[in-house]
Amino acid sequence: MIVPLQKEYERLMKFLRSIGYQEKGNGLVHSEDPNFLYQFWTGNRVFTTELLDSPLDPGKNIRIKKWKHIYLGALNLQDVIITNKPRS
């Protein structure tokens, strides 16, 4: 997952650790689901790939759901291809 704003990323990491998530490898795991690794990045970077535009820019994400204080979106298909191609 990408959390584009550094301040929000730090806030999320603090919250996840407070509810039991622990660092493992390049991500976080929870004791109730130790086989699933949750990975988070901040800014425009996914793994070692830097996106040309912010995922917050209009048209650069696909809206999944918006709550009062949280917006959940997915990368647009072009950025999904860009972030996965170098790793294949």
N, C-alpha and C. Protein backbone atom coordinates (compact mmCIF):
# COMPACT_ATOMS: atom_id res chain seq x y z
N MET A 1 0.84 -1.18 0.00
CA MET A 1 0.00 0.00 0.00
C MET A 1 0.88 1.23 0.00
N ILE A 2 0.41 2.26 -0.68
CA ILE A 2 1.11 3.54 -0.68
C ILE A 2 0.33 4.51 0.20
N VAL A 3 1.05 5.17 1.08
CA VAL A 3 0.49 6.27 1.87
C VAL A 3 1.30 7.49 1.41
N PRO A 4 0.76 8.27 0.46
CA PRO A 4 1.56 9.32 -0.18
C PRO A 4 2.14 10.39 0.74
N LEU A 5 1.46 10.73 1.81
CA LEU A 5 1.93 11.80 2.68
C LEU A 5 2.71 11.23 3.86
N GLN A 6 3.94 11.70 4.05
CA GLN A 6 4.83 11.18 5.10
C GLN A 6 4.19 11.25 6.49
N LYS A 7 3.53 12.36 6.79
CA LYS A 7 2.89 12.54 8.10
C LYS A 7 1.83 11.46 8.33
N GLU A 8 1.03 11.17 7.31
CA GLU A 8 -0.01 10.15 7.43
C GLU A 8 0.59 8.75 7.52
N TYR A 9 1.68 8.53 6.80
CA TYR A 9 2.39 7.25 6.86
C TYR A 9 2.87 6.99 8.29
N GLU A 10 3.52 7.98 8.89
CA GLU A 10 4.02 7.84 10.26
C GLU A 10 2.88 7.59 11.24
N ARG A 11 1.79 8.28 11.04
CA ARG A 11 0.60 8.11 11.90
C ARG A 11 0.04 6.69 11.78
N LEU A 12 -0.04 6.18 10.56
CA LEU A 12 -0.54 4.83 10.33
C LEU A 12 0.38 3.79 10.95
N MET A 13 1.69 3.95 10.77
CA MET A 13 2.64 2.98 11.35
C MET A 13 2.53 2.95 12.87
N LYS A 14 2.40 4.12 13.49
CA LYS A 14 2.26 4.20 14.94
C LYS A 14 0.98 3.47 15.39
N PHE A 15 -0.11 3.69 14.66
CA PHE A 15 -1.38 3.04 15.00
C PHE A 15 -1.27 1.52 14.84
N LEU A 16 -0.73 1.05 13.71
CA LEU A 16 -0.63 -0.39 13.48
C LEU A 16 0.22 -1.08 14.54
N ARG A 17 1.31 -0.46 14.94
CA ARG A 17 2.15 -1.04 15.99
C ARG A 17 1.40 -1.08 17.33
N SER A 18 0.56 -0.06 17.57
CA SER A 18 -0.18 -0.02 18.83
C SER A 18 -1.24 -1.10 18.93
N ILE A 19 -1.67 -1.65 17.79
CA ILE A 19 -2.68 -2.72 17.82
C ILE A 19 -2.07 -4.09 17.54
N GLY A 20 -0.74 -4.18 17.66
CA GLY A 20 -0.10 -5.49 17.64
C GLY A 20 0.66 -5.88 16.39
N TYR A 21 0.73 -5.04 15.37
CA TYR A 21 1.52 -5.37 14.19
C TYR A 21 3.00 -5.21 14.52
N GLN A 22 3.81 -6.13 14.01
CA GLN A 22 5.24 -6.10 14.26
C GLN A 22 6.00 -6.16 12.94
N GLU A 23 7.20 -5.59 12.93
CA GLU A 23 8.01 -5.59 11.73
C GLU A 23 8.55 -6.98 11.45
N LYS A 24 8.50 -7.36 10.18
CA LYS A 24 9.06 -8.63 9.73
C LYS A 24 9.48 -8.44 8.28
N GLY A 25 10.74 -8.66 8.00
CA GLY A 25 11.22 -8.47 6.64
C GLY A 25 11.01 -7.04 6.20
N ASN A 26 10.33 -6.85 5.09
CA ASN A 26 10.05 -5.52 4.56
C ASN A 26 8.62 -5.09 4.81
N GLY A 27 8.02 -5.57 5.88
CA GLY A 27 6.64 -5.20 6.13
C GLY A 27 6.23 -5.44 7.58
N LEU A 28 4.93 -5.56 7.76
CA LEU A 28 4.36 -5.78 9.09
C LEU A 28 3.52 -7.05 9.08
N VAL A 29 3.55 -7.75 10.20
CA VAL A 29 2.70 -8.93 10.37
C VAL A 29 1.95 -8.81 11.69
N HIS A 30 0.87 -9.56 11.80
CA HIS A 30 0.10 -9.60 13.04
C HIS A 30 0.06 -11.04 13.52
N SER A 31 0.09 -11.23 14.82
CA SER A 31 0.13 -12.58 15.39
C SER A 31 -1.09 -13.41 14.99
N GLU A 32 -2.21 -12.77 14.69
CA GLU A 32 -3.41 -13.51 14.29
C GLU A 32 -3.34 -13.98 12.84
N ASP A 33 -2.43 -13.42 12.05
CA ASP A 33 -2.26 -13.81 10.65
C ASP A 33 -0.78 -13.69 10.29
N PRO A 34 0.07 -14.52 10.92
CA PRO A 34 1.52 -14.36 10.77
C PRO A 34 2.06 -14.68 9.37
N ASN A 35 1.27 -15.28 8.51
CA ASN A 35 1.74 -15.64 7.17
C ASN A 35 1.47 -14.57 6.13
N PHE A 36 0.80 -13.49 6.51
CA PHE A 36 0.49 -12.42 5.57
C PHE A 36 1.34 -11.21 5.90
N LEU A 37 2.09 -10.72 4.93
CA LEU A 37 2.97 -9.58 5.11
C LEU A 37 2.33 -8.34 4.49
N TYR A 38 2.12 -7.32 5.31
CA TYR A 38 1.57 -6.06 4.84
C TYR A 38 2.72 -5.10 4.57
N GLN A 39 2.77 -4.56 3.36
CA GLN A 39 3.86 -3.65 3.01
C GLN A 39 3.29 -2.27 2.69
N PHE A 40 3.99 -1.25 3.18
CA PHE A 40 3.56 0.14 2.99
C PHE A 40 4.73 0.96 2.49
N TRP A 41 4.43 1.90 1.60
CA TRP A 41 5.43 2.84 1.10
C TRP A 41 4.87 4.24 1.22
N THR A 42 5.77 5.21 1.26
CA THR A 42 5.35 6.59 1.36
C THR A 42 5.84 7.38 0.16
N GLY A 43 5.17 8.47 -0.14
CA GLY A 43 5.55 9.28 -1.30
C GLY A 43 5.05 8.65 -2.59
N ASN A 44 5.86 8.75 -3.64
CA ASN A 44 5.50 8.20 -4.96
C ASN A 44 6.26 6.92 -5.26
N ARG A 45 6.77 6.27 -4.25
CA ARG A 45 7.64 5.12 -4.45
C ARG A 45 6.96 3.82 -4.04
N VAL A 46 7.11 2.79 -4.90
CA VAL A 46 6.64 1.44 -4.61
C VAL A 46 7.83 0.53 -4.86
N PHE A 47 8.21 -0.25 -3.87
CA PHE A 47 9.44 -1.03 -3.93
C PHE A 47 10.57 -0.06 -4.26
N THR A 48 11.25 -0.24 -5.36
CA THR A 48 12.32 0.69 -5.75
C THR A 48 11.91 1.54 -6.94
N THR A 49 10.66 1.45 -7.34
CA THR A 49 10.17 2.19 -8.50
C THR A 49 9.50 3.48 -8.06
N GLU A 50 9.92 4.59 -8.64
CA GLU A 50 9.30 5.88 -8.33
C GLU A 50 8.31 6.23 -9.43
N LEU A 51 7.08 6.52 -9.02
CA LEU A 51 6.05 6.91 -9.98
C LEU A 51 6.34 8.32 -10.47
N LEU A 52 5.97 8.60 -11.71
CA LEU A 52 6.21 9.92 -12.28
C LEU A 52 5.33 10.99 -11.64
N ASP A 53 4.11 10.60 -11.29
CA ASP A 53 3.15 11.53 -10.70
C ASP A 53 2.66 10.99 -9.37
N SER A 54 2.19 11.88 -8.53
CA SER A 54 1.64 11.46 -7.24
C SER A 54 0.36 10.65 -7.46
N PRO A 55 0.19 9.57 -6.71
CA PRO A 55 -1.05 8.81 -6.81
C PRO A 55 -2.26 9.60 -6.31
N LEU A 56 -2.02 10.76 -5.69
CA LEU A 56 -3.12 11.61 -5.24
C LEU A 56 -3.65 12.52 -6.35
N ASP A 57 -2.87 12.66 -7.45
CA ASP A 57 -3.31 13.52 -8.56
C ASP A 57 -4.57 12.94 -9.21
N PRO A 58 -5.46 13.82 -9.69
CA PRO A 58 -6.67 13.34 -10.37
C PRO A 58 -6.31 12.40 -11.53
N GLY A 59 -7.02 11.28 -11.60
CA GLY A 59 -6.80 10.31 -12.66
C GLY A 59 -5.66 9.35 -12.40
N LYS A 60 -4.94 9.52 -11.30
CA LYS A 60 -3.81 8.66 -11.00
C LYS A 60 -4.16 7.56 -10.00
N ASN A 61 -5.42 7.43 -9.66
CA ASN A 61 -5.84 6.35 -8.79
C ASN A 61 -7.28 5.99 -9.12
N ILE A 62 -7.67 4.83 -8.67
CA ILE A 62 -9.04 4.35 -8.85
C ILE A 62 -9.69 4.33 -7.48
N ARG A 63 -10.73 5.12 -7.32
CA ARG A 63 -11.41 5.22 -6.03
C ARG A 63 -12.10 3.90 -5.69
N ILE A 64 -11.85 3.43 -4.48
CA ILE A 64 -12.51 2.23 -3.99
C ILE A 64 -13.59 2.62 -3.00
N LYS A 65 -13.22 3.43 -2.02
CA LYS A 65 -14.19 3.86 -1.00
C LYS A 65 -13.66 5.12 -0.33
N LYS A 66 -14.58 6.00 0.04
CA LYS A 66 -14.21 7.20 0.77
C LYS A 66 -15.09 7.30 2.01
N TRP A 67 -14.43 7.41 3.16
CA TRP A 67 -15.12 7.63 4.41
C TRP A 67 -14.89 9.08 4.80
N LYS A 68 -15.27 9.44 6.00
CA LYS A 68 -15.13 10.82 6.44
C LYS A 68 -13.68 11.29 6.45
N HIS A 69 -12.76 10.46 6.98
CA HIS A 69 -11.36 10.86 7.10
C HIS A 69 -10.40 9.96 6.34
N ILE A 70 -10.91 8.97 5.64
CA ILE A 70 -10.03 8.03 4.94
C ILE A 70 -10.48 7.88 3.50
N TYR A 71 -9.51 7.89 2.60
CA TYR A 71 -9.76 7.65 1.19
C TYR A 71 -8.99 6.40 0.81
N LEU A 72 -9.67 5.40 0.26
CA LEU A 72 -9.02 4.18 -0.18
C LEU A 72 -9.09 4.13 -1.69
N GLY A 73 -7.93 4.10 -2.30
CA GLY A 73 -7.87 4.04 -3.76
C GLY A 73 -6.80 3.06 -4.20
N ALA A 74 -6.88 2.64 -5.42
CA ALA A 74 -5.87 1.75 -6.01
C ALA A 74 -5.12 2.52 -7.08
N LEU A 75 -3.88 2.11 -7.33
CA LEU A 75 -3.14 2.73 -8.43
C LEU A 75 -3.90 2.53 -9.73
N ASN A 76 -3.77 3.49 -10.64
CA ASN A 76 -4.37 3.26 -11.94
C ASN A 76 -3.61 2.14 -12.64
N LEU A 77 -4.17 1.57 -13.68
CA LEU A 77 -3.59 0.39 -14.31
C LEU A 77 -2.20 0.66 -14.88
N GLN A 78 -1.97 1.84 -15.40
CA GLN A 78 -0.65 2.19 -15.94
C GLN A 78 0.41 2.12 -14.84
N ASP A 79 0.13 2.67 -13.67
CA ASP A 79 1.09 2.64 -12.58
C ASP A 79 1.28 1.24 -12.01
N VAL A 80 0.23 0.42 -12.03
CA VAL A 80 0.38 -0.97 -11.58
C VAL A 80 1.38 -1.68 -12.48
N ILE A 81 1.27 -1.48 -13.79
CA ILE A 81 2.20 -2.10 -14.74
C ILE A 81 3.62 -1.57 -14.51
N ILE A 82 3.76 -0.26 -14.33
CA ILE A 82 5.08 0.35 -14.12
C ILE A 82 5.74 -0.19 -12.86
N THR A 83 4.99 -0.38 -11.79
CA THR A 83 5.58 -0.84 -10.53
C THR A 83 5.90 -2.33 -10.54
N ASN A 84 5.26 -3.10 -11.39
CA ASN A 84 5.50 -4.54 -11.40
C ASN A 84 6.47 -5.00 -12.49
N LYS A 85 6.57 -4.27 -13.57
CA LYS A 85 7.41 -4.68 -14.69
C LYS A 85 8.88 -4.85 -14.30
N PRO A 86 9.48 -3.91 -13.56
CA PRO A 86 10.91 -4.09 -13.21
C PRO A 86 11.18 -5.29 -12.32
N ARG A 87 10.17 -5.79 -11.62
CA ARG A 87 10.36 -6.90 -10.71
C ARG A 87 10.11 -8.25 -11.37
N SER A 88 9.65 -8.24 -12.63
CA SER A 88 9.35 -9.54 -13.27
C SER A 88 10.56 -10.14 -13.95
